[in-house]
Amino acid sequence: MTLGQREHIYFAPALSGVSHQLTVRDANVVQDGWSPDGNSLFFSDVTSTSEESVIRRVDLKTMQEETVPESRGHIGASVSPDGKYLAATKVDGQKLLLFNIATQKWTESAHVSVNALRWSRDSQFVYFDTPSSAEPAIYRLRISDRKVEAVTSLKDIRRVILPFGAWMGLTPDGSPLLMRDTGTQEVYALDFEEP
């Protein structure tokens, strides 16, 4: 991708074949998430300014698109495996928000620095990290009572920083996965002798 070019979503067959672009509006896609049934895709659209970003849903059978209600200024489209919630954050990354898909309502679940939203396989927790805080760490929000629990400190871990933050994943048992920056700081000298 070149500077100033929009990001798009492409589909590729799992086994082999040609990929094709999902053509919905003129969206600039930042983060996306599949519905559990595989029939819908949620994505953050930052076509204009980041403050005007919205979360959209596209029905992959009909290709009909809709904006998630009251999602202006939200990014992240992490869908719970049970299909009940969307997890997102405000553009400034300082609030964890949950969208109840059945009631179509947002609730503020934590007022903290939020990055890399990931759901546990059983939909009981949403994990996130806080890379911009004084004490970076991984936390999880328990859905049943909205309690935030510390998982592990990231204080001495130098992470790879991507355009939209540091990446984090989860193993099937809920253990965090991180990309660690192991870049070198060595200086090399070469002696060249002409033949």
N, C-alpha and C. Protein backbone atom coordinates (compact mmCIF):
# COMPACT_ATOMS: atom_id res chain seq x y z
N MET A 1 0.84 -1.17 0.00
CA MET A 1 0.00 0.00 0.00
C MET A 1 0.89 1.23 0.00
N THR A 2 0.52 2.24 -0.78
CA THR A 2 1.28 3.46 -0.83
C THR A 2 0.63 4.53 0.03
N LEU A 3 1.41 5.53 0.39
CA LEU A 3 0.93 6.62 1.22
C LEU A 3 -0.29 7.28 0.60
N GLY A 4 -1.34 7.47 1.41
CA GLY A 4 -2.55 8.11 0.93
C GLY A 4 -3.55 7.16 0.31
N GLN A 5 -3.17 5.92 0.09
CA GLN A 5 -4.08 4.94 -0.48
C GLN A 5 -4.97 4.35 0.60
N ARG A 6 -6.22 4.10 0.28
CA ARG A 6 -7.15 3.53 1.24
C ARG A 6 -6.90 2.03 1.42
N GLU A 7 -7.25 1.53 2.62
CA GLU A 7 -7.17 0.10 2.87
C GLU A 7 -8.52 -0.52 2.55
N HIS A 8 -8.50 -1.74 2.04
CA HIS A 8 -9.71 -2.44 1.65
C HIS A 8 -9.69 -3.86 2.22
N ILE A 9 -10.83 -4.53 2.13
CA ILE A 9 -10.95 -5.90 2.58
C ILE A 9 -10.97 -6.80 1.35
N TYR A 10 -10.18 -7.87 1.40
CA TYR A 10 -10.14 -8.86 0.33
C TYR A 10 -10.51 -10.22 0.90
N PHE A 11 -11.20 -11.02 0.10
CA PHE A 11 -11.54 -12.39 0.47
C PHE A 11 -10.70 -13.33 -0.39
N ALA A 12 -10.20 -14.38 0.24
CA ALA A 12 -9.45 -15.40 -0.48
C ALA A 12 -9.96 -16.76 -0.05
N PRO A 13 -10.15 -17.70 -0.99
CA PRO A 13 -10.57 -19.05 -0.61
C PRO A 13 -9.56 -19.69 0.32
N ALA A 14 -10.04 -20.46 1.29
CA ALA A 14 -9.15 -21.07 2.28
C ALA A 14 -8.18 -22.07 1.66
N LEU A 15 -8.60 -22.80 0.65
CA LEU A 15 -7.74 -23.82 0.06
C LEU A 15 -6.88 -23.28 -1.08
N SER A 16 -7.48 -22.59 -2.00
CA SER A 16 -6.73 -21.95 -3.10
C SER A 16 -7.72 -21.17 -3.95
N GLY A 17 -7.20 -20.34 -4.80
CA GLY A 17 -8.06 -19.57 -5.69
C GLY A 17 -7.71 -18.11 -5.69
N VAL A 18 -8.51 -17.35 -6.39
CA VAL A 18 -8.26 -15.93 -6.59
C VAL A 18 -8.97 -15.12 -5.51
N SER A 19 -8.29 -14.13 -4.97
CA SER A 19 -8.92 -13.25 -4.00
C SER A 19 -9.74 -12.19 -4.72
N HIS A 20 -10.72 -11.64 -4.03
CA HIS A 20 -11.50 -10.54 -4.60
C HIS A 20 -11.79 -9.52 -3.51
N GLN A 21 -11.94 -8.28 -3.94
CA GLN A 21 -12.15 -7.17 -3.01
C GLN A 21 -13.60 -7.07 -2.63
N LEU A 22 -13.84 -6.84 -1.34
CA LEU A 22 -15.19 -6.55 -0.87
C LEU A 22 -15.48 -5.11 -1.23
N THR A 23 -16.47 -4.90 -2.06
CA THR A 23 -16.78 -3.54 -2.51
C THR A 23 -17.98 -3.00 -1.77
N VAL A 24 -17.70 -2.24 -0.73
CA VAL A 24 -18.74 -1.54 0.02
C VAL A 24 -18.34 -0.08 0.10
N ARG A 25 -19.19 0.76 -0.41
CA ARG A 25 -18.96 2.20 -0.39
C ARG A 25 -17.53 2.52 -0.78
N ASP A 26 -17.04 3.61 -0.26
CA ASP A 26 -15.64 3.99 -0.48
C ASP A 26 -14.96 4.00 0.87
N ALA A 27 -15.12 2.92 1.61
CA ALA A 27 -14.65 2.84 2.99
C ALA A 27 -13.14 2.73 3.06
N ASN A 28 -12.58 3.28 4.13
CA ASN A 28 -11.18 3.09 4.47
C ASN A 28 -11.17 2.19 5.70
N VAL A 29 -10.95 0.91 5.49
CA VAL A 29 -11.10 -0.11 6.52
C VAL A 29 -9.88 -0.14 7.42
N VAL A 30 -10.10 -0.09 8.74
CA VAL A 30 -9.00 -0.14 9.69
C VAL A 30 -8.97 -1.47 10.42
N GLN A 31 -10.05 -1.86 11.06
CA GLN A 31 -10.11 -3.11 11.82
C GLN A 31 -11.40 -3.81 11.46
N ASP A 32 -11.35 -5.13 11.43
CA ASP A 32 -12.58 -5.85 11.09
C ASP A 32 -12.76 -7.08 11.96
N GLY A 33 -13.98 -7.60 11.96
CA GLY A 33 -14.30 -8.79 12.75
C GLY A 33 -15.49 -9.52 12.15
N TRP A 34 -15.38 -10.84 12.10
CA TRP A 34 -16.44 -11.68 11.55
C TRP A 34 -17.51 -11.98 12.58
N SER A 35 -18.75 -12.10 12.10
CA SER A 35 -19.81 -12.63 12.97
C SER A 35 -19.55 -14.13 13.11
N PRO A 36 -19.99 -14.74 14.21
CA PRO A 36 -19.72 -16.17 14.42
C PRO A 36 -20.26 -17.07 13.30
N ASP A 37 -21.37 -16.68 12.68
CA ASP A 37 -21.93 -17.52 11.61
C ASP A 37 -21.23 -17.30 10.27
N GLY A 38 -20.32 -16.34 10.20
CA GLY A 38 -19.58 -16.08 8.97
C GLY A 38 -20.37 -15.34 7.91
N ASN A 39 -21.58 -14.89 8.23
CA ASN A 39 -22.42 -14.22 7.24
C ASN A 39 -22.31 -12.71 7.25
N SER A 40 -21.68 -12.15 8.28
CA SER A 40 -21.54 -10.69 8.38
C SER A 40 -20.11 -10.33 8.72
N LEU A 41 -19.73 -9.16 8.31
CA LEU A 41 -18.42 -8.63 8.64
C LEU A 41 -18.62 -7.23 9.20
N PHE A 42 -18.04 -6.99 10.37
CA PHE A 42 -18.05 -5.67 10.99
C PHE A 42 -16.69 -5.04 10.72
N PHE A 43 -16.65 -3.74 10.46
CA PHE A 43 -15.37 -3.08 10.25
C PHE A 43 -15.45 -1.62 10.65
N SER A 44 -14.29 -1.06 10.98
CA SER A 44 -14.18 0.36 11.30
C SER A 44 -13.87 1.10 10.01
N ASP A 45 -14.63 2.12 9.74
CA ASP A 45 -14.47 2.94 8.53
C ASP A 45 -13.97 4.31 8.95
N VAL A 46 -12.74 4.63 8.58
CA VAL A 46 -12.17 5.95 8.88
C VAL A 46 -11.96 6.73 7.58
N THR A 47 -13.03 6.78 6.76
CA THR A 47 -12.97 7.43 5.47
C THR A 47 -12.62 8.90 5.58
N SER A 48 -13.20 9.59 6.54
CA SER A 48 -12.90 11.01 6.71
C SER A 48 -11.95 11.17 7.89
N THR A 49 -12.26 12.02 8.83
CA THR A 49 -11.38 12.20 9.98
C THR A 49 -11.61 11.07 10.98
N SER A 50 -10.63 10.82 11.83
CA SER A 50 -10.76 9.73 12.79
C SER A 50 -11.92 9.96 13.75
N GLU A 51 -12.21 11.22 14.09
CA GLU A 51 -13.32 11.52 14.99
C GLU A 51 -14.67 11.17 14.36
N GLU A 52 -14.70 11.11 13.04
CA GLU A 52 -15.93 10.78 12.33
C GLU A 52 -15.98 9.32 11.91
N SER A 53 -15.04 8.52 12.39
CA SER A 53 -15.05 7.09 12.05
C SER A 53 -16.34 6.46 12.59
N VAL A 54 -16.76 5.40 11.93
CA VAL A 54 -17.95 4.65 12.35
C VAL A 54 -17.67 3.17 12.19
N ILE A 55 -18.48 2.36 12.86
CA ILE A 55 -18.40 0.92 12.67
C ILE A 55 -19.56 0.52 11.77
N ARG A 56 -19.22 -0.27 10.75
CA ARG A 56 -20.23 -0.71 9.79
C ARG A 56 -20.32 -2.23 9.80
N ARG A 57 -21.47 -2.70 9.35
CA ARG A 57 -21.72 -4.14 9.20
C ARG A 57 -22.17 -4.38 7.78
N VAL A 58 -21.59 -5.41 7.15
CA VAL A 58 -22.04 -5.78 5.81
C VAL A 58 -22.51 -7.23 5.85
N ASP A 59 -23.72 -7.46 5.32
CA ASP A 59 -24.27 -8.80 5.19
C ASP A 59 -23.65 -9.40 3.94
N LEU A 60 -22.87 -10.46 4.09
CA LEU A 60 -22.12 -11.00 2.97
C LEU A 60 -22.98 -11.79 1.98
N LYS A 61 -24.21 -12.10 2.36
CA LYS A 61 -25.11 -12.78 1.42
C LYS A 61 -25.78 -11.77 0.50
N THR A 62 -26.22 -10.66 1.07
CA THR A 62 -26.95 -9.66 0.29
C THR A 62 -26.07 -8.47 -0.12
N MET A 63 -24.90 -8.35 0.52
CA MET A 63 -23.98 -7.23 0.35
C MET A 63 -24.60 -5.90 0.79
N GLN A 64 -25.63 -5.97 1.63
CA GLN A 64 -26.23 -4.77 2.19
C GLN A 64 -25.36 -4.31 3.37
N GLU A 65 -25.19 -3.01 3.45
CA GLU A 65 -24.33 -2.43 4.48
C GLU A 65 -25.15 -1.53 5.39
N GLU A 66 -24.78 -1.52 6.67
CA GLU A 66 -25.44 -0.62 7.62
C GLU A 66 -24.42 -0.12 8.62
N THR A 67 -24.71 1.05 9.17
CA THR A 67 -23.86 1.62 10.21
C THR A 67 -24.37 1.15 11.57
N VAL A 68 -23.47 0.69 12.42
CA VAL A 68 -23.85 0.29 13.77
C VAL A 68 -24.33 1.56 14.50
N PRO A 69 -25.51 1.53 15.13
CA PRO A 69 -26.06 2.73 15.77
C PRO A 69 -25.09 3.36 16.78
N GLU A 70 -25.04 4.67 16.76
CA GLU A 70 -24.26 5.47 17.71
C GLU A 70 -22.79 5.06 17.78
N SER A 71 -22.21 4.68 16.63
CA SER A 71 -20.81 4.24 16.62
C SER A 71 -19.86 5.32 16.10
N ARG A 72 -20.33 6.54 15.92
CA ARG A 72 -19.44 7.62 15.46
C ARG A 72 -18.34 7.86 16.50
N GLY A 73 -17.10 7.92 16.01
CA GLY A 73 -15.97 8.13 16.89
C GLY A 73 -15.46 6.86 17.55
N HIS A 74 -15.99 5.70 17.12
CA HIS A 74 -15.57 4.41 17.66
C HIS A 74 -14.68 3.69 16.64
N ILE A 75 -13.73 2.92 17.15
CA ILE A 75 -12.96 2.02 16.29
C ILE A 75 -12.86 0.67 16.97
N GLY A 76 -12.58 -0.33 16.18
CA GLY A 76 -12.55 -1.70 16.69
C GLY A 76 -13.88 -2.34 16.38
N ALA A 77 -13.84 -3.55 15.95
CA ALA A 77 -15.07 -4.25 15.62
C ALA A 77 -14.90 -5.70 16.00
N SER A 78 -14.55 -5.92 17.24
CA SER A 78 -14.27 -7.27 17.72
C SER A 78 -15.57 -7.92 18.20
N VAL A 79 -16.01 -8.96 17.50
CA VAL A 79 -17.27 -9.62 17.78
C VAL A 79 -17.04 -10.79 18.73
N SER A 80 -17.87 -10.90 19.76
CA SER A 80 -17.75 -12.03 20.69
C SER A 80 -18.09 -13.32 19.96
N PRO A 81 -17.43 -14.43 20.31
CA PRO A 81 -17.70 -15.71 19.65
C PRO A 81 -19.16 -16.16 19.74
N ASP A 82 -19.88 -15.74 20.79
CA ASP A 82 -21.30 -16.11 20.89
C ASP A 82 -22.20 -15.15 20.11
N GLY A 83 -21.61 -14.13 19.50
CA GLY A 83 -22.37 -13.20 18.66
C GLY A 83 -23.22 -12.20 19.41
N LYS A 84 -23.03 -12.07 20.72
CA LYS A 84 -23.88 -11.18 21.51
C LYS A 84 -23.35 -9.75 21.60
N TYR A 85 -22.03 -9.57 21.50
CA TYR A 85 -21.44 -8.25 21.74
C TYR A 85 -20.41 -7.88 20.68
N LEU A 86 -20.25 -6.58 20.52
CA LEU A 86 -19.13 -5.99 19.80
C LEU A 86 -18.30 -5.25 20.84
N ALA A 87 -17.00 -5.40 20.80
CA ALA A 87 -16.12 -4.61 21.67
C ALA A 87 -15.45 -3.56 20.80
N ALA A 88 -15.33 -2.36 21.31
CA ALA A 88 -14.71 -1.26 20.57
C ALA A 88 -14.11 -0.28 21.56
N THR A 89 -13.46 0.72 21.03
CA THR A 89 -12.92 1.79 21.86
C THR A 89 -13.19 3.12 21.16
N LYS A 90 -13.08 4.19 21.91
CA LYS A 90 -13.18 5.51 21.29
C LYS A 90 -11.90 5.74 20.49
N VAL A 91 -11.92 6.66 19.57
CA VAL A 91 -10.77 6.94 18.72
C VAL A 91 -9.53 7.27 19.54
N ASP A 92 -9.70 7.94 20.67
CA ASP A 92 -8.54 8.28 21.49
C ASP A 92 -8.02 7.09 22.30
N GLY A 93 -8.72 5.95 22.23
CA GLY A 93 -8.27 4.73 22.90
C GLY A 93 -8.38 4.76 24.41
N GLN A 94 -9.26 5.58 24.96
CA GLN A 94 -9.32 5.73 26.42
C GLN A 94 -10.59 5.16 27.06
N LYS A 95 -11.38 4.41 26.30
CA LYS A 95 -12.58 3.79 26.87
C LYS A 95 -12.81 2.44 26.20
N LEU A 96 -13.19 1.45 26.99
CA LEU A 96 -13.61 0.16 26.45
C LEU A 96 -15.14 0.17 26.40
N LEU A 97 -15.67 -0.06 25.22
CA LEU A 97 -17.11 0.00 25.00
C LEU A 97 -17.63 -1.35 24.54
N LEU A 98 -18.83 -1.71 25.00
CA LEU A 98 -19.48 -2.93 24.54
C LEU A 98 -20.81 -2.56 23.89
N PHE A 99 -21.07 -3.17 22.75
CA PHE A 99 -22.33 -2.97 22.04
C PHE A 99 -23.11 -4.27 22.13
N ASN A 100 -24.29 -4.21 22.74
CA ASN A 100 -25.17 -5.37 22.85
C ASN A 100 -25.93 -5.48 21.52
N ILE A 101 -25.65 -6.51 20.77
CA ILE A 101 -26.23 -6.65 19.43
C ILE A 101 -27.74 -6.82 19.50
N ALA A 102 -28.27 -7.49 20.53
CA ALA A 102 -29.72 -7.69 20.66
C ALA A 102 -30.45 -6.40 20.96
N THR A 103 -29.92 -5.60 21.90
CA THR A 103 -30.61 -4.37 22.30
C THR A 103 -30.18 -3.16 21.49
N GLN A 104 -29.07 -3.31 20.71
CA GLN A 104 -28.53 -2.23 19.89
C GLN A 104 -28.10 -1.03 20.74
N LYS A 105 -27.56 -1.31 21.94
CA LYS A 105 -27.12 -0.26 22.86
C LYS A 105 -25.66 -0.42 23.23
N TRP A 106 -24.96 0.71 23.39
CA TRP A 106 -23.57 0.75 23.84
C TRP A 106 -23.53 0.97 25.35
N THR A 107 -22.53 0.38 26.00
CA THR A 107 -22.25 0.69 27.40
C THR A 107 -20.75 0.90 27.54
N GLU A 108 -20.39 1.88 28.36
CA GLU A 108 -18.98 2.11 28.68
C GLU A 108 -18.61 1.12 29.77
N SER A 109 -17.64 0.26 29.50
CA SER A 109 -17.31 -0.81 30.43
C SER A 109 -16.03 -0.55 31.22
N ALA A 110 -15.17 0.30 30.73
CA ALA A 110 -13.95 0.65 31.46
C ALA A 110 -13.41 1.95 30.89
N HIS A 111 -12.89 2.79 31.77
CA HIS A 111 -12.29 4.06 31.35
C HIS A 111 -10.79 3.94 31.54
N VAL A 112 -10.14 3.30 30.57
CA VAL A 112 -8.70 3.03 30.62
C VAL A 112 -8.14 3.11 29.19
N SER A 113 -6.81 3.12 29.10
CA SER A 113 -6.16 3.04 27.79
C SER A 113 -6.44 1.66 27.21
N VAL A 114 -6.93 1.59 25.96
CA VAL A 114 -7.34 0.32 25.37
C VAL A 114 -6.69 0.13 24.00
N ASN A 115 -6.15 -1.07 23.79
CA ASN A 115 -5.59 -1.46 22.50
C ASN A 115 -5.85 -2.95 22.31
N ALA A 116 -5.90 -3.40 21.08
CA ALA A 116 -5.94 -4.81 20.71
C ALA A 116 -6.99 -5.62 21.47
N LEU A 117 -8.24 -5.37 21.16
CA LEU A 117 -9.34 -6.09 21.81
C LEU A 117 -9.42 -7.53 21.29
N ARG A 118 -9.45 -8.49 22.22
CA ARG A 118 -9.54 -9.91 21.85
C ARG A 118 -10.49 -10.62 22.81
N TRP A 119 -11.37 -11.46 22.27
CA TRP A 119 -12.34 -12.19 23.07
C TRP A 119 -11.82 -13.56 23.44
N SER A 120 -12.18 -14.03 24.64
CA SER A 120 -11.91 -15.41 25.02
C SER A 120 -12.85 -16.30 24.20
N ARG A 121 -12.47 -17.55 24.02
CA ARG A 121 -13.27 -18.46 23.19
C ARG A 121 -14.68 -18.66 23.73
N ASP A 122 -14.85 -18.56 25.06
CA ASP A 122 -16.17 -18.77 25.67
C ASP A 122 -16.98 -17.48 25.81
N SER A 123 -16.47 -16.38 25.28
CA SER A 123 -17.15 -15.07 25.31
C SER A 123 -17.33 -14.51 26.71
N GLN A 124 -16.64 -15.07 27.70
CA GLN A 124 -16.77 -14.59 29.08
C GLN A 124 -15.87 -13.40 29.38
N PHE A 125 -14.82 -13.21 28.58
CA PHE A 125 -13.87 -12.12 28.81
C PHE A 125 -13.50 -11.44 27.50
N VAL A 126 -13.25 -10.14 27.58
CA VAL A 126 -12.61 -9.44 26.48
C VAL A 126 -11.27 -8.92 27.02
N TYR A 127 -10.19 -9.31 26.34
CA TYR A 127 -8.84 -8.95 26.73
C TYR A 127 -8.42 -7.69 25.98
N PHE A 128 -7.54 -6.91 26.59
CA PHE A 128 -6.98 -5.74 25.93
C PHE A 128 -5.67 -5.39 26.61
N ASP A 129 -4.86 -4.59 25.92
CA ASP A 129 -3.63 -4.13 26.55
C ASP A 129 -3.66 -2.62 26.66
N THR A 130 -2.74 -2.09 27.47
CA THR A 130 -2.69 -0.64 27.73
C THR A 130 -1.29 -0.13 27.43
N PRO A 131 -0.91 -0.09 26.14
CA PRO A 131 0.48 0.26 25.79
C PRO A 131 0.86 1.70 26.08
N SER A 132 -0.10 2.61 26.14
CA SER A 132 0.24 4.01 26.34
C SER A 132 0.16 4.46 27.79
N SER A 133 -0.09 3.53 28.70
CA SER A 133 -0.16 3.91 30.12
C SER A 133 1.24 3.85 30.74
N ALA A 134 1.38 4.44 31.93
CA ALA A 134 2.68 4.46 32.62
C ALA A 134 3.12 3.04 32.98
N GLU A 135 2.18 2.18 33.27
CA GLU A 135 2.46 0.78 33.61
C GLU A 135 1.75 -0.11 32.59
N PRO A 136 2.34 -0.32 31.41
CA PRO A 136 1.65 -1.12 30.39
C PRO A 136 1.39 -2.55 30.89
N ALA A 137 0.22 -3.06 30.54
CA ALA A 137 -0.17 -4.39 31.01
C ALA A 137 -1.26 -4.94 30.10
N ILE A 138 -1.56 -6.22 30.30
CA ILE A 138 -2.71 -6.85 29.66
C ILE A 138 -3.78 -7.03 30.73
N TYR A 139 -4.99 -6.67 30.38
CA TYR A 139 -6.13 -6.80 31.28
C TYR A 139 -7.22 -7.61 30.58
N ARG A 140 -8.21 -8.00 31.36
CA ARG A 140 -9.41 -8.60 30.78
C ARG A 140 -10.62 -8.09 31.53
N LEU A 141 -11.69 -7.89 30.78
CA LEU A 141 -12.97 -7.47 31.35
C LEU A 141 -13.87 -8.69 31.42
N ARG A 142 -14.35 -9.00 32.63
CA ARG A 142 -15.29 -10.11 32.79
C ARG A 142 -16.67 -9.60 32.42
N ILE A 143 -17.31 -10.24 31.47
CA ILE A 143 -18.59 -9.78 30.94
C ILE A 143 -19.70 -9.87 31.98
N SER A 144 -19.70 -10.89 32.81
CA SER A 144 -20.81 -11.09 33.76
C SER A 144 -20.99 -9.94 34.73
N ASP A 145 -19.89 -9.35 35.23
CA ASP A 145 -20.02 -8.26 36.20
C ASP A 145 -19.24 -7.00 35.81
N ARG A 146 -18.65 -7.00 34.63
CA ARG A 146 -17.89 -5.85 34.08
C ARG A 146 -16.66 -5.51 34.93
N LYS A 147 -16.12 -6.48 35.66
CA LYS A 147 -14.93 -6.26 36.47
C LYS A 147 -13.68 -6.39 35.59
N VAL A 148 -12.74 -5.44 35.75
CA VAL A 148 -11.48 -5.46 35.02
C VAL A 148 -10.42 -6.13 35.89
N GLU A 149 -9.74 -7.13 35.33
CA GLU A 149 -8.71 -7.87 36.06
C GLU A 149 -7.38 -7.76 35.33
N ALA A 150 -6.29 -7.58 36.08
CA ALA A 150 -4.95 -7.57 35.49
C ALA A 150 -4.56 -9.00 35.14
N VAL A 151 -3.97 -9.19 33.95
CA VAL A 151 -3.50 -10.50 33.52
C VAL A 151 -1.99 -10.59 33.68
N THR A 152 -1.26 -9.62 33.12
CA THR A 152 0.20 -9.61 33.24
C THR A 152 0.75 -8.23 32.90
N SER A 153 1.90 -7.91 33.47
CA SER A 153 2.57 -6.65 33.19
C SER A 153 3.34 -6.75 31.87
N LEU A 154 3.42 -5.63 31.16
CA LEU A 154 4.21 -5.55 29.93
C LEU A 154 5.36 -4.56 30.10
N LYS A 155 5.68 -4.26 31.33
CA LYS A 155 6.63 -3.19 31.64
C LYS A 155 7.98 -3.35 30.95
N ASP A 156 8.56 -4.52 30.95
CA ASP A 156 9.90 -4.70 30.39
C ASP A 156 9.90 -5.40 29.03
N ILE A 157 8.78 -5.38 28.33
CA ILE A 157 8.70 -6.02 27.02
C ILE A 157 8.68 -4.95 25.93
N ARG A 158 9.67 -5.02 25.06
CA ARG A 158 9.73 -4.09 23.91
C ARG A 158 8.95 -4.73 22.77
N ARG A 159 7.86 -4.11 22.38
CA ARG A 159 6.95 -4.70 21.40
C ARG A 159 7.09 -4.07 20.03
N VAL A 160 6.70 -4.84 19.02
CA VAL A 160 6.62 -4.33 17.65
C VAL A 160 5.41 -3.40 17.59
N ILE A 161 5.59 -2.20 17.07
CA ILE A 161 4.50 -1.25 16.94
C ILE A 161 4.10 -1.17 15.47
N LEU A 162 2.84 -1.48 15.19
CA LEU A 162 2.29 -1.44 13.84
C LEU A 162 1.59 -0.10 13.63
N PRO A 163 1.14 0.21 12.42
CA PRO A 163 0.51 1.52 12.19
C PRO A 163 -0.63 1.89 13.14
N PHE A 164 -1.41 0.90 13.59
CA PHE A 164 -2.53 1.21 14.47
C PHE A 164 -2.34 0.64 15.86
N GLY A 165 -1.10 0.47 16.30
CA GLY A 165 -0.83 0.00 17.65
C GLY A 165 -0.08 -1.31 17.66
N ALA A 166 0.15 -1.81 18.85
CA ALA A 166 0.86 -3.07 19.03
C ALA A 166 -0.13 -4.23 18.90
N TRP A 167 0.32 -5.33 18.29
CA TRP A 167 -0.54 -6.50 18.09
C TRP A 167 -0.56 -7.37 19.34
N MET A 168 -1.72 -7.96 19.61
CA MET A 168 -1.86 -8.94 20.67
C MET A 168 -2.85 -9.99 20.20
N GLY A 169 -2.61 -11.23 20.56
CA GLY A 169 -3.53 -12.31 20.25
C GLY A 169 -3.72 -13.17 21.49
N LEU A 170 -4.54 -14.20 21.35
CA LEU A 170 -4.76 -15.14 22.45
C LEU A 170 -4.65 -16.56 21.92
N THR A 171 -4.07 -17.44 22.73
CA THR A 171 -4.07 -18.86 22.40
C THR A 171 -5.46 -19.41 22.74
N PRO A 172 -5.77 -20.64 22.32
CA PRO A 172 -7.09 -21.21 22.64
C PRO A 172 -7.39 -21.26 24.14
N ASP A 173 -6.35 -21.38 25.00
CA ASP A 173 -6.62 -21.41 26.44
C ASP A 173 -6.63 -20.02 27.08
N GLY A 174 -6.50 -18.96 26.27
CA GLY A 174 -6.57 -17.59 26.79
C GLY A 174 -5.23 -16.99 27.17
N SER A 175 -4.14 -17.66 26.85
CA SER A 175 -2.82 -17.09 27.13
C SER A 175 -2.50 -16.01 26.10
N PRO A 176 -1.95 -14.87 26.52
CA PRO A 176 -1.64 -13.79 25.59
C PRO A 176 -0.49 -14.13 24.65
N LEU A 177 -0.59 -13.64 23.42
CA LEU A 177 0.47 -13.72 22.43
C LEU A 177 0.87 -12.29 22.06
N LEU A 178 2.16 -12.02 21.98
CA LEU A 178 2.65 -10.69 21.65
C LEU A 178 3.73 -10.79 20.58
N MET A 179 3.93 -9.71 19.84
CA MET A 179 5.07 -9.61 18.93
C MET A 179 6.14 -8.79 19.63
N ARG A 180 7.27 -9.43 19.91
CA ARG A 180 8.36 -8.78 20.63
C ARG A 180 9.37 -8.23 19.64
N ASP A 181 9.82 -7.01 19.87
CA ASP A 181 10.83 -6.39 19.03
C ASP A 181 12.21 -6.87 19.49
N THR A 182 12.86 -7.65 18.65
CA THR A 182 14.20 -8.15 18.98
C THR A 182 15.24 -7.52 18.07
N GLY A 183 14.93 -6.32 17.59
CA GLY A 183 15.85 -5.63 16.68
C GLY A 183 17.24 -5.51 17.26
N THR A 184 18.19 -5.45 16.39
CA THR A 184 19.58 -5.40 16.83
C THR A 184 20.06 -3.96 16.95
N GLN A 185 21.02 -3.78 17.80
CA GLN A 185 21.63 -2.47 18.01
C GLN A 185 23.12 -2.49 17.63
N GLU A 186 23.58 -3.58 16.98
CA GLU A 186 24.98 -3.70 16.66
C GLU A 186 25.38 -2.79 15.50
N VAL A 187 26.63 -2.43 15.48
CA VAL A 187 27.21 -1.66 14.38
C VAL A 187 28.25 -2.55 13.72
N TYR A 188 28.21 -2.65 12.41
CA TYR A 188 29.14 -3.50 11.68
C TYR A 188 30.08 -2.66 10.83
N ALA A 189 31.27 -3.17 10.62
CA ALA A 189 32.24 -2.54 9.73
C ALA A 189 32.70 -3.58 8.72
N LEU A 190 32.86 -3.19 7.50
CA LEU A 190 33.35 -4.08 6.45
C LEU A 190 34.68 -3.57 5.94
N ASP A 191 35.60 -4.47 5.78
CA ASP A 191 36.87 -4.13 5.12
C ASP A 191 36.78 -4.65 3.69
N PHE A 192 36.96 -3.76 2.74
CA PHE A 192 36.86 -4.13 1.33
C PHE A 192 38.22 -3.97 0.69
N GLU A 193 38.65 -5.03 0.04
CA GLU A 193 39.91 -4.98 -0.71
C GLU A 193 39.61 -5.23 -2.16
N GLU A 194 40.10 -4.33 -3.03
CA GLU A 194 39.90 -4.50 -4.45
C GLU A 194 40.71 -5.68 -4.96
N PRO A 195 40.14 -6.50 -5.88
CA PRO A 195 40.91 -7.63 -6.43
C PRO A 195 42.01 -7.16 -7.39
